[in-house]
Amino acid sequence: MKKRKIPLQLCWAPNLQREVRVTTVGSARALVENHLGLLAYGPEQVRVRCRRGAASVKGEGLALREVRKDALIVTGRIDSVELGHDPSAG
């Protein structure tokens, strides 16, 4: 069976510097990878520290479904994801 080659546009970009990566599934779930810890947690915002600032998931009824050392899953109604850059952080 011949193996198909995946187009470059569909491949994940290499993440050699362990930058934060936020992947959303619809408006109900977000996976935040390579975070450095929680800064704020509430039903309307989850904010995590990153190498170069902070990442925020905003919405309603937010909850942490799973928390690991370098990744977490946020569930609820997700309205937006914001990446804030802090020049002094990285």
N, C-alpha and C. Protein backbone atom coordinates (compact mmCIF):
# COMPACT_ATOMS: atom_id res chain seq x y z
N MET A 1 0.84 -1.18 0.00
CA MET A 1 0.00 0.00 0.00
C MET A 1 0.89 1.25 0.00
N LYS A 2 0.60 2.15 -0.91
CA LYS A 2 1.40 3.36 -1.04
C LYS A 2 1.03 4.36 0.07
N LYS A 3 2.06 4.90 0.73
CA LYS A 3 1.84 5.87 1.80
C LYS A 3 1.71 7.27 1.20
N ARG A 4 0.65 8.00 1.61
CA ARG A 4 0.45 9.37 1.12
C ARG A 4 1.39 10.33 1.84
N LYS A 5 1.86 11.29 1.10
CA LYS A 5 2.69 12.34 1.68
C LYS A 5 1.77 13.45 2.18
N ILE A 6 1.98 13.89 3.42
CA ILE A 6 1.16 14.94 4.02
C ILE A 6 1.68 16.30 3.55
N PRO A 7 0.80 17.16 3.04
CA PRO A 7 1.24 18.50 2.61
C PRO A 7 1.86 19.27 3.78
N LEU A 8 2.88 20.04 3.49
CA LEU A 8 3.59 20.80 4.51
C LEU A 8 2.65 21.72 5.30
N GLN A 9 1.63 22.27 4.64
CA GLN A 9 0.70 23.18 5.29
C GLN A 9 -0.10 22.49 6.39
N LEU A 10 -0.23 21.17 6.35
CA LEU A 10 -1.02 20.44 7.34
C LEU A 10 -0.16 19.85 8.46
N CYS A 11 1.14 20.01 8.40
CA CYS A 11 2.03 19.47 9.43
C CYS A 11 2.20 20.50 10.55
N TRP A 12 2.38 19.98 11.77
CA TRP A 12 2.64 20.85 12.91
C TRP A 12 3.98 21.55 12.71
N ALA A 13 4.02 22.83 13.06
CA ALA A 13 5.29 23.55 13.02
C ALA A 13 6.17 23.04 14.15
N PRO A 14 7.48 22.92 13.91
CA PRO A 14 8.36 22.46 14.99
C PRO A 14 8.33 23.45 16.15
N ASN A 15 8.39 22.93 17.35
CA ASN A 15 8.30 23.77 18.55
C ASN A 15 9.56 23.55 19.39
N LEU A 16 10.70 23.88 18.82
CA LEU A 16 11.98 23.60 19.45
C LEU A 16 12.23 24.43 20.70
N GLN A 17 11.67 25.62 20.78
CA GLN A 17 11.89 26.49 21.93
C GLN A 17 10.82 26.32 22.99
N ARG A 18 9.95 25.31 22.82
CA ARG A 18 8.90 25.00 23.80
C ARG A 18 7.99 26.21 24.04
N GLU A 19 7.62 26.89 22.96
CA GLU A 19 6.68 28.00 23.05
C GLU A 19 5.30 27.46 23.40
N VAL A 20 4.46 28.31 23.98
CA VAL A 20 3.11 27.90 24.34
C VAL A 20 2.34 27.56 23.06
N ARG A 21 1.52 26.51 23.15
CA ARG A 21 0.68 26.11 22.02
C ARG A 21 -0.72 25.90 22.58
N VAL A 22 -1.71 26.60 22.00
CA VAL A 22 -3.10 26.46 22.43
C VAL A 22 -3.89 25.88 21.26
N THR A 23 -4.53 24.74 21.51
CA THR A 23 -5.33 24.07 20.50
C THR A 23 -6.76 24.03 21.00
N THR A 24 -7.69 24.59 20.24
CA THR A 24 -9.09 24.57 20.64
C THR A 24 -9.86 23.54 19.83
N VAL A 25 -10.85 22.95 20.48
CA VAL A 25 -11.76 22.03 19.81
C VAL A 25 -13.14 22.68 19.89
N GLY A 26 -13.55 23.29 18.80
CA GLY A 26 -14.79 24.05 18.81
C GLY A 26 -14.69 25.17 19.84
N SER A 27 -15.78 25.41 20.55
CA SER A 27 -15.77 26.43 21.59
C SER A 27 -15.96 25.81 22.96
N ALA A 28 -15.63 24.51 23.09
CA ALA A 28 -15.89 23.82 24.35
C ALA A 28 -14.65 23.29 25.04
N ARG A 29 -13.50 23.27 24.37
CA ARG A 29 -12.32 22.67 24.98
C ARG A 29 -11.06 23.31 24.41
N ALA A 30 -10.07 23.55 25.26
CA ALA A 30 -8.78 24.08 24.82
C ALA A 30 -7.67 23.31 25.52
N LEU A 31 -6.68 22.91 24.74
CA LEU A 31 -5.48 22.27 25.27
C LEU A 31 -4.37 23.31 25.25
N VAL A 32 -3.79 23.58 26.41
CA VAL A 32 -2.70 24.55 26.53
C VAL A 32 -1.44 23.77 26.86
N GLU A 33 -0.48 23.78 25.93
CA GLU A 33 0.76 23.03 26.11
C GLU A 33 1.93 23.97 26.38
N ASN A 34 2.91 23.48 27.08
CA ASN A 34 4.17 24.18 27.37
C ASN A 34 3.97 25.41 28.26
N HIS A 35 2.99 25.37 29.14
CA HIS A 35 2.81 26.48 30.09
C HIS A 35 3.79 26.32 31.25
N LEU A 36 3.95 27.38 32.02
CA LEU A 36 4.88 27.37 33.15
C LEU A 36 4.16 27.54 34.48
N GLY A 37 2.86 27.34 34.51
CA GLY A 37 2.10 27.43 35.75
C GLY A 37 0.90 28.35 35.62
N LEU A 38 -0.05 28.16 36.51
CA LEU A 38 -1.27 28.98 36.54
C LEU A 38 -1.00 30.34 37.15
N LEU A 39 -1.54 31.39 36.53
CA LEU A 39 -1.49 32.74 37.09
C LEU A 39 -2.84 33.12 37.68
N ALA A 40 -3.92 32.69 37.04
CA ALA A 40 -5.28 32.99 37.51
C ALA A 40 -6.21 31.89 37.04
N TYR A 41 -7.20 31.59 37.88
CA TYR A 41 -8.16 30.55 37.52
C TYR A 41 -9.52 30.95 38.06
N GLY A 42 -10.51 30.99 37.18
CA GLY A 42 -11.87 31.30 37.57
C GLY A 42 -12.82 30.86 36.48
N PRO A 43 -14.12 30.99 36.72
CA PRO A 43 -15.11 30.52 35.74
C PRO A 43 -15.16 31.35 34.45
N GLU A 44 -14.50 32.53 34.44
CA GLU A 44 -14.52 33.37 33.25
C GLU A 44 -13.15 33.53 32.60
N GLN A 45 -12.08 33.09 33.29
CA GLN A 45 -10.74 33.23 32.72
C GLN A 45 -9.78 32.24 33.36
N VAL A 46 -8.97 31.61 32.50
CA VAL A 46 -7.84 30.80 32.95
C VAL A 46 -6.61 31.43 32.32
N ARG A 47 -5.65 31.82 33.16
CA ARG A 47 -4.46 32.52 32.67
C ARG A 47 -3.24 31.74 33.10
N VAL A 48 -2.33 31.47 32.17
CA VAL A 48 -1.12 30.72 32.47
C VAL A 48 0.12 31.50 32.07
N ARG A 49 1.18 31.24 32.79
CA ARG A 49 2.47 31.88 32.50
C ARG A 49 3.14 31.10 31.38
N CYS A 50 3.80 31.83 30.48
CA CYS A 50 4.51 31.25 29.34
C CYS A 50 5.92 31.81 29.31
N ARG A 51 6.73 31.26 28.43
CA ARG A 51 8.12 31.74 28.32
C ARG A 51 8.20 33.23 28.01
N ARG A 52 7.29 33.73 27.22
CA ARG A 52 7.38 35.13 26.78
C ARG A 52 6.17 35.96 27.18
N GLY A 53 5.53 35.62 28.29
CA GLY A 53 4.37 36.39 28.72
C GLY A 53 3.32 35.50 29.33
N ALA A 54 2.08 35.65 28.87
CA ALA A 54 0.97 34.88 29.42
C ALA A 54 -0.03 34.53 28.32
N ALA A 55 -0.77 33.45 28.56
CA ALA A 55 -1.85 33.06 27.66
C ALA A 55 -3.13 33.03 28.48
N SER A 56 -4.22 33.55 27.92
CA SER A 56 -5.50 33.59 28.62
C SER A 56 -6.58 32.91 27.78
N VAL A 57 -7.36 32.07 28.44
CA VAL A 57 -8.55 31.49 27.83
C VAL A 57 -9.73 32.14 28.53
N LYS A 58 -10.59 32.81 27.76
CA LYS A 58 -11.72 33.53 28.35
C LYS A 58 -13.02 32.93 27.87
N GLY A 59 -14.04 32.97 28.75
CA GLY A 59 -15.34 32.44 28.40
C GLY A 59 -16.26 32.38 29.60
N GLU A 60 -17.14 31.39 29.64
CA GLU A 60 -18.08 31.21 30.75
C GLU A 60 -18.07 29.76 31.20
N GLY A 61 -18.20 29.55 32.49
CA GLY A 61 -18.25 28.21 33.04
C GLY A 61 -16.97 27.42 32.82
N LEU A 62 -15.83 28.11 32.82
CA LEU A 62 -14.57 27.43 32.55
C LEU A 62 -14.15 26.57 33.74
N ALA A 63 -13.58 25.43 33.43
CA ALA A 63 -13.08 24.51 34.45
C ALA A 63 -11.83 23.82 33.92
N LEU A 64 -10.95 23.43 34.82
CA LEU A 64 -9.77 22.67 34.44
C LEU A 64 -10.13 21.19 34.45
N ARG A 65 -10.10 20.57 33.29
CA ARG A 65 -10.46 19.16 33.18
C ARG A 65 -9.26 18.29 33.55
N GLU A 66 -8.07 18.70 33.13
CA GLU A 66 -6.86 17.95 33.41
C GLU A 66 -5.70 18.91 33.54
N VAL A 67 -4.83 18.68 34.52
CA VAL A 67 -3.66 19.53 34.72
C VAL A 67 -2.44 18.63 34.84
N ARG A 68 -1.48 18.88 33.97
CA ARG A 68 -0.19 18.18 34.03
C ARG A 68 0.90 19.23 34.14
N LYS A 69 2.11 18.78 34.34
CA LYS A 69 3.24 19.68 34.51
C LYS A 69 3.39 20.68 33.37
N ASP A 70 3.20 20.22 32.14
CA ASP A 70 3.42 21.09 30.99
C ASP A 70 2.20 21.29 30.11
N ALA A 71 1.03 20.77 30.53
CA ALA A 71 -0.17 20.91 29.70
C ALA A 71 -1.41 20.89 30.58
N LEU A 72 -2.46 21.56 30.12
CA LEU A 72 -3.73 21.51 30.82
C LEU A 72 -4.86 21.61 29.82
N ILE A 73 -6.03 21.12 30.23
CA ILE A 73 -7.22 21.16 29.39
C ILE A 73 -8.26 22.01 30.08
N VAL A 74 -8.77 23.00 29.37
CA VAL A 74 -9.81 23.89 29.87
C VAL A 74 -11.10 23.53 29.14
N THR A 75 -12.19 23.37 29.91
CA THR A 75 -13.49 23.10 29.30
C THR A 75 -14.47 24.19 29.71
N GLY A 76 -15.57 24.30 29.02
CA GLY A 76 -16.58 25.32 29.25
C GLY A 76 -16.91 25.98 27.92
N ARG A 77 -17.53 27.15 27.97
CA ARG A 77 -17.80 27.89 26.74
C ARG A 77 -16.65 28.86 26.51
N ILE A 78 -15.81 28.56 25.56
CA ILE A 78 -14.62 29.37 25.28
C ILE A 78 -14.97 30.43 24.25
N ASP A 79 -14.77 31.70 24.65
CA ASP A 79 -15.06 32.82 23.76
C ASP A 79 -13.81 33.31 23.04
N SER A 80 -12.65 33.29 23.74
CA SER A 80 -11.44 33.80 23.11
C SER A 80 -10.19 33.22 23.77
N VAL A 81 -9.11 33.27 23.01
CA VAL A 81 -7.78 32.90 23.51
C VAL A 81 -6.87 34.07 23.19
N GLU A 82 -6.15 34.54 24.19
CA GLU A 82 -5.26 35.69 24.00
C GLU A 82 -3.85 35.31 24.42
N LEU A 83 -2.88 35.72 23.60
CA LEU A 83 -1.48 35.52 23.92
C LEU A 83 -0.86 36.88 24.14
N GLY A 84 -0.41 37.13 25.37
CA GLY A 84 0.20 38.40 25.70
C GLY A 84 1.70 38.27 25.72
N HIS A 85 2.40 39.14 25.01
CA HIS A 85 3.85 39.09 24.94
C HIS A 85 4.45 40.10 25.91
N ASP A 86 5.39 39.64 26.71
CA ASP A 86 6.10 40.49 27.64
C ASP A 86 7.58 40.47 27.26
N PRO A 87 8.11 41.55 26.68
CA PRO A 87 9.50 41.55 26.21
C PRO A 87 10.51 41.21 27.31
N SER A 88 10.20 41.50 28.55
CA SER A 88 11.15 41.22 29.64
C SER A 88 11.11 39.77 30.08
N ALA A 89 10.12 39.00 29.59
CA ALA A 89 9.96 37.61 30.04
C ALA A 89 10.80 36.62 29.25
N GLY A 90 11.31 36.97 28.14
CA GLY A 90 11.99 35.95 27.36
C GLY A 90 13.04 36.51 26.51
